[in-house]
């Protein structure tokens, strides 16, 4: 059996939106899951303030 696959959906993830406690946590949580050998995809809504070229 392969790695566990996880879909992580949140409304704010650092660095795409201004840094808050929640956006930092939502950035670090998927990284920790990935380091434990799981396959993870993180999604968030595309707000008008998100600059894809900058990030």
N, C-alpha and C. Protein backbone atom coordinates (compact mmCIF):
# COMPACT_ATOMS: atom_id res chain seq x y z
N UNK A 1 0.84 -1.18 0.00
CA UNK A 1 0.00 0.00 0.00
C UNK A 1 0.88 1.24 0.00
N UNK A 2 0.55 2.23 -0.84
CA UNK A 2 1.34 3.45 -0.97
C UNK A 2 1.13 4.40 0.19
N UNK A 3 1.69 5.57 0.04
CA UNK A 3 1.57 6.59 1.07
C UNK A 3 0.13 7.05 1.22
N UNK A 4 -0.25 7.41 2.42
CA UNK A 4 -1.59 7.96 2.66
C UNK A 4 -1.72 9.27 1.90
N UNK A 5 -2.86 9.47 1.29
CA UNK A 5 -3.10 10.68 0.51
C UNK A 5 -4.08 11.58 1.26
N UNK A 6 -3.70 12.85 1.40
CA UNK A 6 -4.49 13.80 2.18
C UNK A 6 -4.76 15.04 1.33
N UNK A 7 -5.99 15.52 1.39
CA UNK A 7 -6.37 16.77 0.74
C UNK A 7 -6.60 17.80 1.85
N UNK A 8 -5.81 18.85 1.85
CA UNK A 8 -5.87 19.89 2.89
C UNK A 8 -6.47 21.15 2.25
N UNK A 9 -7.63 21.56 2.73
CA UNK A 9 -8.31 22.73 2.18
C UNK A 9 -8.47 23.76 3.30
N UNK A 10 -8.02 24.98 3.02
CA UNK A 10 -8.14 26.05 4.01
C UNK A 10 -8.34 27.37 3.30
N UNK A 11 -8.85 28.36 4.01
CA UNK A 11 -9.11 29.63 3.37
C UNK A 11 -7.93 30.60 3.41
N UNK A 12 -6.89 30.30 4.16
CA UNK A 12 -5.70 31.16 4.14
C UNK A 12 -4.46 30.34 4.45
N UNK A 13 -3.45 30.52 3.60
CA UNK A 13 -2.17 29.83 3.78
C UNK A 13 -1.07 30.85 3.52
N UNK A 14 -0.14 30.94 4.44
CA UNK A 14 1.02 31.82 4.27
C UNK A 14 1.90 31.22 3.18
N UNK A 15 2.52 31.90 2.31
CA UNK A 15 2.74 33.33 2.16
C UNK A 15 1.77 34.01 1.20
N UNK A 16 0.71 33.34 0.81
CA UNK A 16 -0.20 33.88 -0.20
C UNK A 16 -1.09 35.00 0.32
N UNK A 17 -1.32 35.05 1.61
CA UNK A 17 -2.10 36.12 2.24
C UNK A 17 -1.28 36.68 3.40
N UNK A 18 -1.66 37.85 3.91
CA UNK A 18 -0.91 38.42 5.03
C UNK A 18 -0.74 37.41 6.18
N UNK A 19 0.40 37.49 6.81
CA UNK A 19 0.76 36.52 7.84
C UNK A 19 -0.06 36.70 9.11
N UNK A 20 -0.79 35.64 9.48
CA UNK A 20 -1.52 35.57 10.74
C UNK A 20 -1.17 34.24 11.39
N UNK A 21 -1.60 34.05 12.62
CA UNK A 21 -1.33 32.78 13.30
C UNK A 21 -1.93 31.60 12.52
N UNK A 22 -3.16 31.78 12.02
CA UNK A 22 -3.82 30.70 11.28
C UNK A 22 -3.10 30.42 9.97
N UNK A 23 -2.71 31.46 9.23
CA UNK A 23 -2.04 31.23 7.95
C UNK A 23 -0.69 30.55 8.15
N UNK A 24 0.01 30.88 9.23
CA UNK A 24 1.29 30.22 9.53
C UNK A 24 1.07 28.75 9.88
N UNK A 25 0.07 28.49 10.71
CA UNK A 25 -0.25 27.11 11.08
C UNK A 25 -0.64 26.29 9.86
N UNK A 26 -1.44 26.90 8.98
CA UNK A 26 -1.90 26.19 7.79
C UNK A 26 -0.78 26.00 6.78
N UNK A 27 0.32 26.68 6.93
CA UNK A 27 1.52 26.45 6.11
C UNK A 27 2.36 25.33 6.73
N UNK A 28 2.51 25.34 8.04
CA UNK A 28 3.37 24.38 8.73
C UNK A 28 2.75 23.00 8.84
N UNK A 29 1.45 22.92 9.00
CA UNK A 29 0.78 21.63 9.16
C UNK A 29 0.98 20.71 7.95
N UNK A 30 0.72 21.16 6.72
CA UNK A 30 0.98 20.28 5.57
C UNK A 30 2.45 19.90 5.43
N UNK A 31 3.37 20.80 5.78
CA UNK A 31 4.79 20.49 5.70
C UNK A 31 5.14 19.35 6.67
N UNK A 32 4.59 19.40 7.88
CA UNK A 32 4.84 18.34 8.85
C UNK A 32 4.27 17.01 8.41
N UNK A 33 3.09 17.04 7.80
CA UNK A 33 2.47 15.81 7.30
C UNK A 33 3.32 15.22 6.19
N UNK A 34 3.82 16.08 5.29
CA UNK A 34 4.68 15.62 4.19
C UNK A 34 5.97 14.99 4.72
N UNK A 35 6.55 15.58 5.74
CA UNK A 35 7.79 15.05 6.33
C UNK A 35 7.58 13.68 6.97
N UNK A 36 6.35 13.35 7.32
CA UNK A 36 6.04 12.04 7.90
C UNK A 36 5.71 10.99 6.85
N UNK A 37 5.94 11.32 5.59
CA UNK A 37 5.79 10.34 4.53
C UNK A 37 4.42 10.24 3.90
N UNK A 38 3.56 11.22 4.16
CA UNK A 38 2.23 11.20 3.56
C UNK A 38 2.25 12.03 2.28
N UNK A 39 1.35 11.73 1.37
CA UNK A 39 1.18 12.55 0.17
C UNK A 39 0.09 13.57 0.47
N UNK A 40 0.37 14.85 0.26
CA UNK A 40 -0.61 15.88 0.62
C UNK A 40 -0.71 16.92 -0.49
N UNK A 41 -1.92 17.39 -0.70
CA UNK A 41 -2.20 18.49 -1.61
C UNK A 41 -2.92 19.56 -0.80
N UNK A 42 -2.46 20.81 -0.93
CA UNK A 42 -3.07 21.91 -0.20
C UNK A 42 -3.78 22.85 -1.18
N UNK A 43 -5.00 23.19 -0.87
CA UNK A 43 -5.80 24.08 -1.71
C UNK A 43 -6.36 25.21 -0.88
N UNK A 44 -6.51 26.37 -1.54
CA UNK A 44 -7.21 27.50 -0.94
C UNK A 44 -7.90 28.27 -2.05
N UNK A 45 -8.94 29.04 -1.73
CA UNK A 45 -9.62 29.82 -2.76
C UNK A 45 -8.68 30.84 -3.37
N UNK A 46 -8.90 31.16 -4.63
CA UNK A 46 -8.09 32.19 -5.30
C UNK A 46 -8.76 33.54 -5.09
N UNK A 47 -8.31 34.23 -4.08
CA UNK A 47 -8.83 35.57 -3.78
C UNK A 47 -8.19 36.57 -4.74
N UNK A 48 -8.82 37.71 -4.92
CA UNK A 48 -8.29 38.74 -5.80
C UNK A 48 -6.96 39.29 -5.32
N UNK A 49 -6.67 39.18 -4.03
CA UNK A 49 -5.43 39.71 -3.48
C UNK A 49 -4.24 38.76 -3.62
N UNK A 50 -4.47 37.55 -4.11
CA UNK A 50 -3.38 36.57 -4.26
C UNK A 50 -2.65 36.85 -5.56
N UNK A 51 -1.36 37.12 -5.47
CA UNK A 51 -0.54 37.37 -6.65
C UNK A 51 0.27 36.11 -6.94
N UNK A 52 -0.12 35.36 -7.98
CA UNK A 52 0.54 34.10 -8.30
C UNK A 52 1.98 34.30 -8.72
N UNK A 53 2.29 35.38 -9.39
CA UNK A 53 3.66 35.63 -9.85
C UNK A 53 4.60 35.93 -8.69
N UNK A 54 4.08 36.59 -7.68
CA UNK A 54 4.91 36.94 -6.53
C UNK A 54 5.26 35.72 -5.68
N UNK A 55 4.36 34.74 -5.65
CA UNK A 55 4.56 33.58 -4.79
C UNK A 55 4.87 32.40 -5.63
